[in-house]
Amino acid sequence: MNKNYKIGIALGGGAARGYAHIGVLKAIDELKIPIHFISGTSIGSFIGALYASGNLTQFEEEVRNKNSFIRDVLFKLDPIYPKLAAMNGNEVIKVFKRITNISTFEELDIPLTTVATDIIKNEKVECNSGDLINAIKASIAIPGILNPTYVDDILCVDGGLIDPVPLESAIKMGANRTIAVNLYGLESSEKTNEKYNIIDIIDRSAKIVLNNITHLSFKFNEPDLLIEPPIDQFKGWDFHRANELIDIGYEEGKKSLLENKLFI
């Protein structure tokens, strides 16, 4: 690859499916592909920050050894009155702080932009300097599940509402070769109508919306490489299936990268 190229990777949202990002990034490291910029939405911001801090391997070891621990901490209720959501995101942030002591964007080894949604003005909120912890908390604030977070007096929720795979953010940072990782890629369902329940309907409906938003955004900024791990069968709350998701992400990431000569 031309050394003048600056590679940016956009890591999309997907809750538990975000474990697949770990596998993709592992394949990138194995193939010695340099990443110069990272953008992340929701779980993509969390994983992206750990990768940019140099601590993603430690996180992988933890989830492989106790692959339900994110689910366990996520459902430790931390009530807030008046309640704006069922849970507070502080327990998830404690996981991040336990793995790394980095707390600002400026301390990261790789420049990172996190994406959240201004719930009042319906605008994208990009963070790339200052308080990293608060930016992650805002980016992962799933409406109704994790409490909204203020960023510079802006009330923010999950970035997936406005930019599920923030490719534009990576380009704005200076990337001229781009990789996008979309965790909402859809496969034909093998389920018959009779086997669907209300949870399946809600989960698949959300994936359809987010996948369509993502591909519409790619019409304006098309990635040089789109990686879509085949994880349609996984739910957003399948935190106990970390090993499978990481392995699928690794296999699909490596396969896609080897097929695309731009990055090798």
C-alpha atoms as a PDB file:
ATOM      1  CA  MET A   1       0.000   0.000   0.000  1.00  0.00           C
ATOM      2  CA  ASN A   2       1.078   3.565  -0.748  1.00  0.00           C
ATOM      3  CA  LYS A   3       2.551   4.992   2.459  1.00  0.00           C
ATOM      4  CA  ASN A   4       0.831   8.313   1.771  1.00  0.00           C
ATOM      5  CA  TYR A   5      -2.553   6.723   2.380  1.00  0.00           C
ATOM      6  CA  LYS A   6      -4.211   7.394   5.722  1.00  0.00           C
ATOM      7  CA  ILE A   7      -6.563   4.598   6.693  1.00  0.00           C
ATOM      8  CA  GLY A   8      -9.688   5.331   8.679  1.00  0.00           C
ATOM      9  CA  ILE A   9     -12.062   2.743  10.110  1.00  0.00           C
ATOM     10  CA  ALA A  10     -15.687   3.388  11.060  1.00  0.00           C
ATOM     11  CA  LEU A  11     -17.063   1.040  13.713  1.00  0.00           C
ATOM     12  CA  GLY A  12     -20.836   0.821  13.795  1.00  0.00           C
ATOM     13  CA  GLY A  13     -23.284   0.242  16.611  1.00  0.00           C
ATOM     14  CA  GLY A  14     -24.949  -3.045  17.440  1.00  0.00           C
ATOM     15  CA  ALA A  15     -24.873  -3.609  21.227  1.00  0.00           C
ATOM     16  CA  ALA A  16     -23.618  -7.171  21.895  1.00  0.00           C
ATOM     17  CA  ARG A  17     -22.937  -7.642  18.192  1.00  0.00           C
ATOM     18  CA  GLY A  18     -20.151  -5.109  18.738  1.00  0.00           C
ATOM     19  CA  TYR A  19     -17.961  -7.953  19.957  1.00  0.00           C
ATOM     20  CA  ALA A  20     -17.453  -8.709  16.251  1.00  0.00           C
ATOM     21  CA  HIS A  21     -15.450  -5.463  16.036  1.00  0.00           C
ATOM     22  CA  ILE A  22     -12.830  -7.083  18.261  1.00  0.00           C
ATOM     23  CA  GLY A  23     -12.320  -9.852  15.718  1.00  0.00           C
ATOM     24  CA  VAL A  24     -12.145  -7.443  12.778  1.00  0.00           C
ATOM     25  CA  LEU A  25      -9.525  -5.309  14.529  1.00  0.00           C
ATOM     26  CA  LYS A  26      -7.594  -8.437  15.465  1.00  0.00           C
ATOM     27  CA  ALA A  27      -7.445  -9.401  11.778  1.00  0.00           C
ATOM     28  CA  ILE A  28      -6.273  -5.890  10.889  1.00  0.00           C
ATOM     29  CA  ASP A  29      -3.428  -6.138  13.386  1.00  0.00           C
ATOM     30  CA  GLU A  30      -2.473  -9.617  12.196  1.00  0.00           C
ATOM     31  CA  LEU A  31      -2.224  -8.353   8.615  1.00  0.00           C
ATOM     32  CA  LYS A  32      -0.172  -5.370   9.831  1.00  0.00           C
ATOM     33  CA  ILE A  33      -2.567  -2.816   8.367  1.00  0.00           C
ATOM     34  CA  PRO A  34      -1.958   0.577   9.999  1.00  0.00           C
ATOM     35  CA  ILE A  35      -5.027   2.431  11.249  1.00  0.00           C
ATOM     36  CA  HIS A  36      -4.616   6.210  11.353  1.00  0.00           C
ATOM     37  CA  PHE A  37      -8.139   7.291  12.321  1.00  0.00           C
ATOM     38  CA  ILE A  38     -11.073   5.658  14.114  1.00  0.00           C
ATOM     39  CA  SER A  39     -14.697   6.728  14.296  1.00  0.00           C
ATOM     40  CA  GLY A  40     -17.264   4.906  16.382  1.00  0.00           C
ATOM     41  CA  THR A  41     -20.958   4.883  17.156  1.00  0.00           C
ATOM     42  CA  SER A  42     -22.374   3.315  20.326  1.00  0.00           C
ATOM     43  CA  ILE A  43     -20.504   0.051  21.064  1.00  0.00           C
ATOM     44  CA  GLY A  44     -18.218   1.033  18.186  1.00  0.00           C
ATOM     45  CA  SER A  45     -17.042   4.037  20.197  1.00  0.00           C
ATOM     46  CA  PHE A  46     -16.373   1.822  23.234  1.00  0.00           C
ATOM     47  CA  ILE A  47     -14.400  -0.771  21.251  1.00  0.00           C
ATOM     48  CA  GLY A  48     -12.707   1.934  19.179  1.00  0.00           C
ATOM     49  CA  ALA A  49     -11.515   3.746  22.290  1.00  0.00           C
ATOM     50  CA  LEU A  50     -10.051   0.555  23.738  1.00  0.00           C
ATOM     51  CA  TYR A  51      -8.256  -0.163  20.453  1.00  0.00           C
ATOM     52  CA  ALA A  52      -6.961   3.407  20.233  1.00  0.00           C
ATOM     53  CA  SER A  53      -5.695   3.141  23.815  1.00  0.00           C
ATOM     54  CA  GLY A  54      -3.808  -0.091  23.090  1.00  0.00           C
ATOM     55  CA  ASN A  55      -5.904  -2.130  25.530  1.00  0.00           C
ATOM     56  CA  LEU A  56      -8.296  -4.056  23.302  1.00  0.00           C
ATOM     57  CA  THR A  57      -6.421  -7.353  23.737  1.00  0.00           C
ATOM     58  CA  GLN A  58      -6.921  -7.193  27.497  1.00  0.00           C
ATOM     59  CA  PHE A  59     -10.631  -6.562  26.984  1.00  0.00           C
ATOM     60  CA  GLU A  60     -10.854  -9.539  24.625  1.00  0.00           C
ATOM     61  CA  GLU A  61      -9.216 -11.769  27.216  1.00  0.00           C
ATOM     62  CA  GLU A  62     -11.718 -10.654  29.838  1.00  0.00           C
ATOM     63  CA  VAL A  63     -14.812 -11.233  27.733  1.00  0.00           C
ATOM     64  CA  ARG A  64     -13.527 -14.592  26.501  1.00  0.00           C
ATOM     65  CA  ASN A  65     -12.839 -15.740  30.050  1.00  0.00           C
ATOM     66  CA  LYS A  66     -16.098 -14.396  31.406  1.00  0.00           C
ATOM     67  CA  ASN A  67     -18.111 -13.579  28.352  1.00  0.00           C
ATOM     68  CA  SER A  68     -21.215 -12.466  30.218  1.00  0.00           C
ATOM     69  CA  PHE A  69     -19.552  -9.771  32.276  1.00  0.00           C
ATOM     70  CA  ILE A  70     -20.707  -6.816  30.159  1.00  0.00           C
ATOM     71  CA  ARG A  71     -24.258  -8.121  30.426  1.00  0.00           C
ATOM     72  CA  ASP A  72     -23.809  -8.487  34.172  1.00  0.00           C
ATOM     73  CA  VAL A  73     -22.625  -4.909  34.709  1.00  0.00           C
ATOM     74  CA  LEU A  74     -25.114  -3.487  32.220  1.00  0.00           C
ATOM     75  CA  PHE A  75     -28.023  -4.709  34.278  1.00  0.00           C
ATOM     76  CA  LYS A  76     -26.832  -3.363  37.613  1.00  0.00           C
ATOM     77  CA  LEU A  77     -29.453  -0.694  38.096  1.00  0.00           C
ATOM     78  CA  ASP A  78     -28.268   2.713  39.233  1.00  0.00           C
ATOM     79  CA  PRO A  79     -31.550   4.623  39.668  1.00  0.00           C
ATOM     80  CA  ILE A  80     -31.760   8.269  38.671  1.00  0.00           C
ATOM     81  CA  TYR A  81     -34.689  10.476  39.592  1.00  0.00           C
ATOM     82  CA  PRO A  82     -36.503  11.578  37.619  1.00  0.00           C
ATOM     83  CA  LYS A  83     -35.713   8.513  35.554  1.00  0.00           C
ATOM     84  CA  LEU A  84     -34.892   9.115  31.908  1.00  0.00           C
ATOM     85  CA  ALA A  85     -33.967   5.483  31.265  1.00  0.00           C
ATOM     86  CA  ALA A  86     -34.046   2.077  32.922  1.00  0.00           C
ATOM     87  CA  MET A  87     -30.327   2.066  33.699  1.00  0.00           C
ATOM     88  CA  ASN A  88     -27.361   4.318  34.223  1.00  0.00           C
ATOM     89  CA  GLY A  89     -24.328   3.784  31.986  1.00  0.00           C
ATOM     90  CA  ASN A  90     -21.878   4.170  34.858  1.00  0.00           C
ATOM     91  CA  GLU A  91     -21.333   0.428  35.290  1.00  0.00           C
ATOM     92  CA  VAL A  92     -20.268   0.048  31.653  1.00  0.00           C
ATOM     93  CA  ILE A  93     -17.890   2.974  32.049  1.00  0.00           C
ATOM     94  CA  LYS A  94     -16.389   1.285  35.125  1.00  0.00           C
ATOM     95  CA  VAL A  95     -15.379  -1.599  32.864  1.00  0.00           C
ATOM     96  CA  PHE A  96     -13.548   0.826  30.581  1.00  0.00           C
ATOM     97  CA  LYS A  97     -11.812   2.523  33.499  1.00  0.00           C
ATOM     98  CA  ARG A  98     -10.712  -0.805  34.939  1.00  0.00           C
ATOM     99  CA  ILE A  99      -8.973  -1.734  31.697  1.00  0.00           C
ATOM    100  CA  THR A 100      -7.313   1.610  30.976  1.00  0.00           C
ATOM    101  CA  ASN A 101      -6.593   4.785  32.920  1.00  0.00           C
ATOM    102  CA  ILE A 102      -6.899   6.942  29.808  1.00  0.00           C
ATOM    103  CA  SER A 103      -9.601   9.574  30.245  1.00  0.00           C
ATOM    104  CA  THR A 104      -9.064  12.080  27.410  1.00  0.00           C
ATOM    105  CA  PHE A 105      -8.948  11.852  23.625  1.00  0.00           C
ATOM    106  CA  GLU A 106      -5.522  13.437  23.622  1.00  0.00           C
ATOM    107  CA  GLU A 107      -4.027  10.444  25.476  1.00  0.00           C
ATOM    108  CA  LEU A 108      -5.047   7.934  22.791  1.00  0.00           C
ATOM    109  CA  ASP A 109      -2.479   6.409  20.437  1.00  0.00           C
ATOM    110  CA  ILE A 110      -4.841   6.800  17.457  1.00  0.00           C
ATOM    111  CA  PRO A 111      -7.161   9.780  16.853  1.00  0.00           C
ATOM    112  CA  LEU A 112     -10.776   8.885  17.624  1.00  0.00           C
ATOM    113  CA  THR A 113     -14.147  10.501  16.961  1.00  0.00           C
ATOM    114  CA  THR A 114     -17.216   9.280  18.843  1.00  0.00           C
ATOM    115  CA  VAL A 115     -20.733   9.957  17.616  1.00  0.00           C
ATOM    116  CA  ALA A 116     -23.846  10.685  19.661  1.00  0.00           C
ATOM    117  CA  THR A 117     -27.273  12.137  18.831  1.00  0.00           C
ATOM    118  CA  ASP A 118     -28.626  15.493  19.998  1.00  0.00           C
ATOM    119  CA  ILE A 119     -32.062  14.288  21.114  1.00  0.00           C
ATOM    120  CA  ILE A 120     -33.525  17.805  21.062  1.00  0.00           C
ATOM    121  CA  LYS A 121     -32.280  19.122  17.708  1.00  0.00           C
ATOM    122  CA  ASN A 122     -31.903  15.803  15.871  1.00  0.00           C
ATOM    123  CA  GLU A 123     -28.273  16.529  15.032  1.00  0.00           C
ATOM    124  CA  LYS A 124     -25.048  14.537  15.053  1.00  0.00           C
ATOM    125  CA  VAL A 125     -22.693  15.286  17.935  1.00  0.00           C
ATOM    126  CA  GLU A 126     -19.057  14.410  17.232  1.00  0.00           C
ATOM    127  CA  CYS A 127     -16.486  14.323  20.026  1.00  0.00           C
ATOM    128  CA  ASN A 128     -12.744  14.128  19.371  1.00  0.00           C
ATOM    129  CA  SER A 129     -11.121  16.135  22.145  1.00  0.00           C
ATOM    130  CA  GLY A 130     -11.370  16.516  25.890  1.00  0.00           C
ATOM    131  CA  ASP A 131     -13.398  14.152  28.075  1.00  0.00           C
ATOM    132  CA  LEU A 132     -13.277  10.689  26.479  1.00  0.00           C
ATOM    133  CA  ILE A 133     -15.299   8.965  29.191  1.00  0.00           C
ATOM    134  CA  ASN A 134     -18.264  11.308  28.892  1.00  0.00           C
ATOM    135  CA  ALA A 135     -18.162  11.069  25.095  1.00  0.00           C
ATOM    136  CA  ILE A 136     -18.358   7.266  25.215  1.00  0.00           C
ATOM    137  CA  LYS A 137     -21.180   7.409  27.736  1.00  0.00           C
ATOM    138  CA  ALA A 138     -23.143   9.704  25.414  1.00  0.00           C
ATOM    139  CA  SER A 139     -22.465   7.527  22.371  1.00  0.00           C
ATOM    140  CA  ILE A 140     -23.720   4.331  24.058  1.00  0.00           C
ATOM    141  CA  ALA A 141     -26.840   5.867  25.648  1.00  0.00           C
ATOM    142  CA  ILE A 142     -29.468   3.596  24.089  1.00  0.00           C
ATOM    143  CA  PRO A 143     -32.789   5.470  24.455  1.00  0.00           C
ATOM    144  CA  GLY A 144     -34.870   4.127  27.298  1.00  0.00           C
ATOM    145  CA  ILE A 145     -32.124   1.696  28.329  1.00  0.00           C
ATOM    146  CA  LEU A 146     -29.111   3.817  29.314  1.00  0.00           C
ATOM    147  CA  ASN A 147     -29.417   7.310  30.682  1.00  0.00           C
ATOM    148  CA  PRO A 148     -28.915  10.272  28.285  1.00  0.00           C
ATOM    149  CA  THR A 149     -25.685  12.212  28.801  1.00  0.00           C
ATOM    150  CA  TYR A 150     -24.912  15.886  28.414  1.00  0.00           C
ATOM    151  CA  VAL A 151     -22.076  16.901  26.083  1.00  0.00           C
ATOM    152  CA  ASP A 152     -21.398  20.645  26.290  1.00  0.00           C
ATOM    153  CA  ASP A 153     -24.974  21.292  27.481  1.00  0.00           C
ATOM    154  CA  ILE A 154     -26.382  19.119  24.678  1.00  0.00           C
ATOM    155  CA  LEU A 155     -28.589  16.228  25.813  1.00  0.00           C
ATOM    156  CA  CYS A 156     -27.292  13.198  23.908  1.00  0.00           C
ATOM    157  CA  VAL A 157     -28.392   9.644  23.270  1.00  0.00           C
ATOM    158  CA  ASP A 158     -26.969   6.761  21.237  1.00  0.00           C
ATOM    159  CA  GLY A 159     -25.252   7.835  18.023  1.00  0.00           C
ATOM    160  CA  GLY A 160     -26.851   4.971  16.127  1.00  0.00           C
ATOM    161  CA  LEU A 161     -30.050   6.967  15.780  1.00  0.00           C
ATOM    162  CA  ILE A 162     -28.392   9.426  13.431  1.00  0.00           C
ATOM    163  CA  ASP A 163     -25.261   7.707  12.061  1.00  0.00           C
ATOM    164  CA  PRO A 164     -25.107   3.924  12.640  1.00  0.00           C
ATOM    165  CA  VAL A 165     -21.710   3.567  10.892  1.00  0.00           C
ATOM    166  CA  PRO A 166     -19.941   6.962  11.083  1.00  0.00           C
ATOM    167  CA  LEU A 167     -17.863   6.802   7.912  1.00  0.00           C
ATOM    168  CA  GLU A 168     -18.169  10.538   7.253  1.00  0.00           C
ATOM    169  CA  SER A 169     -16.499  11.227  10.604  1.00  0.00           C
ATOM    170  CA  ALA A 170     -13.447   9.156   9.634  1.00  0.00           C
ATOM    171  CA  ILE A 171     -13.173  11.009   6.327  1.00  0.00           C
ATOM    172  CA  LYS A 172     -13.411  14.383   8.082  1.00  0.00           C
ATOM    173  CA  MET A 173     -10.510  13.326  10.285  1.00  0.00           C
ATOM    174  CA  GLY A 174      -8.307  12.938   7.210  1.00  0.00           C
ATOM    175  CA  ALA A 175      -8.757   9.347   6.029  1.00  0.00           C
ATOM    176  CA  ASN A 176      -8.275   8.815   2.295  1.00  0.00           C
ATOM    177  CA  ARG A 177      -8.674   5.043   2.478  1.00  0.00           C
ATOM    178  CA  THR A 178     -11.670   3.825   4.445  1.00  0.00           C
ATOM    179  CA  ILE A 179     -13.008   0.675   6.054  1.00  0.00           C
ATOM    180  CA  ALA A 180     -16.579   0.533   7.370  1.00  0.00           C
ATOM    181  CA  VAL A 181     -17.822  -2.217   9.679  1.00  0.00           C
ATOM    182  CA  ASN A 182     -21.604  -2.603   9.577  1.00  0.00           C
ATOM    183  CA  LEU A 183     -23.068  -4.973  12.165  1.00  0.00           C
ATOM    184  CA  TYR A 184     -26.627  -4.680  10.846  1.00  0.00           C
ATOM    185  CA  GLY A 185     -26.103  -6.567   7.587  1.00  0.00           C
ATOM    186  CA  LEU A 186     -29.170  -8.695   6.901  1.00  0.00           C
ATOM    187  CA  GLU A 187     -29.397 -12.254   5.705  1.00  0.00           C
ATOM    188  CA  SER A 188     -32.497 -14.086   4.536  1.00  0.00           C
ATOM    189  CA  SER A 189     -34.198 -15.373   7.651  1.00  0.00           C
ATOM    190  CA  GLU A 190     -34.720 -19.116   7.941  1.00  0.00           C
ATOM    191  CA  LYS A 191     -37.559 -18.607  10.399  1.00  0.00           C
ATOM    192  CA  THR A 192     -41.122 -19.171   9.274  1.00  0.00           C
ATOM    193  CA  ASN A 193     -43.813 -16.691  10.209  1.00  0.00           C
ATOM    194  CA  GLU A 194     -45.000 -18.979  12.988  1.00  0.00           C
ATOM    195  CA  LYS A 195     -41.579 -18.984  14.688  1.00  0.00           C
ATOM    196  CA  TYR A 196     -41.345 -15.209  15.108  1.00  0.00           C
ATOM    197  CA  ASN A 197     -42.213 -13.689  18.468  1.00  0.00           C
ATOM    198  CA  ILE A 198     -42.568 -10.059  19.526  1.00  0.00           C
ATOM    199  CA  ILE A 199     -38.884  -9.782  20.494  1.00  0.00           C
ATOM    200  CA  ASP A 200     -37.798 -11.145  17.108  1.00  0.00           C
ATOM    201  CA  ILE A 201     -40.041  -8.645  15.333  1.00  0.00           C
ATOM    202  CA  ILE A 202     -38.683  -5.678  17.317  1.00  0.00           C
ATOM    203  CA  ASP A 203     -35.049  -6.761  16.899  1.00  0.00           C
ATOM    204  CA  ARG A 204     -35.296  -7.430  13.165  1.00  0.00           C
ATOM    205  CA  SER A 205     -37.279  -4.239  12.554  1.00  0.00           C
ATOM    206  CA  ALA A 206     -34.562  -2.181  14.251  1.00  0.00           C
ATOM    207  CA  LYS A 207     -31.878  -3.909  12.174  1.00  0.00           C
ATOM    208  CA  ILE A 208     -33.777  -3.234   8.945  1.00  0.00           C
ATOM    209  CA  VAL A 209     -34.077   0.480   9.751  1.00  0.00           C
ATOM    210  CA  LEU A 210     -30.438   0.865  10.812  1.00  0.00           C
ATOM    211  CA  ASN A 211     -29.107  -1.166   7.894  1.00  0.00           C
ATOM    212  CA  ASN A 212     -31.107   0.955   5.440  1.00  0.00           C
ATOM    213  CA  ILE A 213     -29.900   4.212   7.035  1.00  0.00           C
ATOM    214  CA  THR A 214     -26.320   2.955   6.810  1.00  0.00           C
ATOM    215  CA  HIS A 215     -26.489   2.017   3.147  1.00  0.00           C
ATOM    216  CA  LEU A 216     -28.231   5.275   2.251  1.00  0.00           C
ATOM    217  CA  SER A 217     -25.364   7.169   3.894  1.00  0.00           C
ATOM    218  CA  PHE A 218     -22.864   5.159   1.836  1.00  0.00           C
ATOM    219  CA  LYS A 219     -24.371   6.647  -1.337  1.00  0.00           C
ATOM    220  CA  PHE A 220     -22.745   9.928  -0.315  1.00  0.00           C
ATOM    221  CA  ASN A 221     -19.544   8.451   1.137  1.00  0.00           C
ATOM    222  CA  GLU A 222     -18.796   4.943  -0.088  1.00  0.00           C
ATOM    223  CA  PRO A 223     -16.176   3.012   1.897  1.00  0.00           C
ATOM    224  CA  ASP A 224     -13.242   1.478   0.070  1.00  0.00           C
ATOM    225  CA  LEU A 225     -14.006  -1.691   1.991  1.00  0.00           C
ATOM    226  CA  LEU A 226     -17.286  -2.634   3.655  1.00  0.00           C
ATOM    227  CA  ILE A 227     -17.102  -5.453   6.181  1.00  0.00           C
ATOM    228  CA  GLU A 228     -20.429  -6.975   7.213  1.00  0.00           C
ATOM    229  CA  PRO A 229     -19.887  -9.957   9.528  1.00  0.00           C
ATOM    230  CA  PRO A 230     -22.623 -12.594   9.048  1.00  0.00           C
ATOM    231  CA  ILE A 231     -24.174 -12.113  12.492  1.00  0.00           C
ATOM    232  CA  ASP A 232     -27.820 -11.508  11.617  1.00  0.00           C
ATOM    233  CA  GLN A 233     -28.790 -14.423  13.862  1.00  0.00           C
ATOM    234  CA  PHE A 234     -27.402 -12.668  16.951  1.00  0.00           C
ATOM    235  CA  LYS A 235     -29.481 -10.347  19.098  1.00  0.00           C
ATOM    236  CA  GLY A 236     -28.294  -7.068  20.576  1.00  0.00           C
ATOM    237  CA  TRP A 237     -28.379  -8.585  24.058  1.00  0.00           C
ATOM    238  CA  ASP A 238     -26.370 -11.750  23.249  1.00  0.00           C
ATOM    239  CA  PHE A 239     -23.434 -10.674  25.425  1.00  0.00           C
ATOM    240  CA  HIS A 240     -22.986 -14.294  26.538  1.00  0.00           C
ATOM    241  CA  ARG A 241     -21.997 -15.232  22.956  1.00  0.00           C
ATOM    242  CA  ALA A 242     -18.842 -13.124  22.887  1.00  0.00           C
ATOM    243  CA  ASN A 243     -16.532 -15.913  21.701  1.00  0.00           C
ATOM    244  CA  GLU A 244     -18.690 -16.666  18.656  1.00  0.00           C
ATOM    245  CA  LEU A 245     -19.044 -13.009  17.714  1.00  0.00           C
ATOM    246  CA  ILE A 246     -15.323 -12.283  18.044  1.00  0.00           C
ATOM    247  CA  ASP A 247     -14.423 -15.324  15.958  1.00  0.00           C
ATOM    248  CA  ILE A 248     -16.930 -14.481  13.213  1.00  0.00           C
ATOM    249  CA  GLY A 249     -15.660 -10.903  13.115  1.00  0.00           C
ATOM    250  CA  TYR A 250     -12.097 -12.156  12.784  1.00  0.00           C
ATOM    251  CA  GLU A 251     -12.860 -14.612   9.981  1.00  0.00           C
ATOM    252  CA  GLU A 252     -14.979 -12.170   7.982  1.00  0.00           C
ATOM    253  CA  GLY A 253     -12.558  -9.316   8.569  1.00  0.00           C
ATOM    254  CA  LYS A 254      -9.536 -11.316   7.441  1.00  0.00           C
ATOM    255  CA  LYS A 255     -11.360 -12.697   4.400  1.00  0.00           C
ATOM    256  CA  SER A 256     -12.560  -9.241   3.313  1.00  0.00           C
ATOM    257  CA  LEU A 257      -9.166  -7.615   3.815  1.00  0.00           C
ATOM    258  CA  LEU A 258      -7.315 -10.296   1.869  1.00  0.00           C
ATOM    259  CA  GLU A 259      -9.779  -9.985  -1.007  1.00  0.00           C
ATOM    260  CA  ASN A 260      -9.342  -6.207  -1.149  1.00  0.00           C
ATOM    261  CA  LYS A 261      -5.860  -5.427  -2.458  1.00  0.00           C
ATOM    262  CA  LEU A 262      -6.059  -1.773  -1.377  1.00  0.00           C
ATOM    263  CA  PHE A 263      -5.074  -2.649   2.173  1.00  0.00           C
ATOM    264  CA  ILE A 264      -2.480  -5.393   1.728  1.00  0.00           C
END
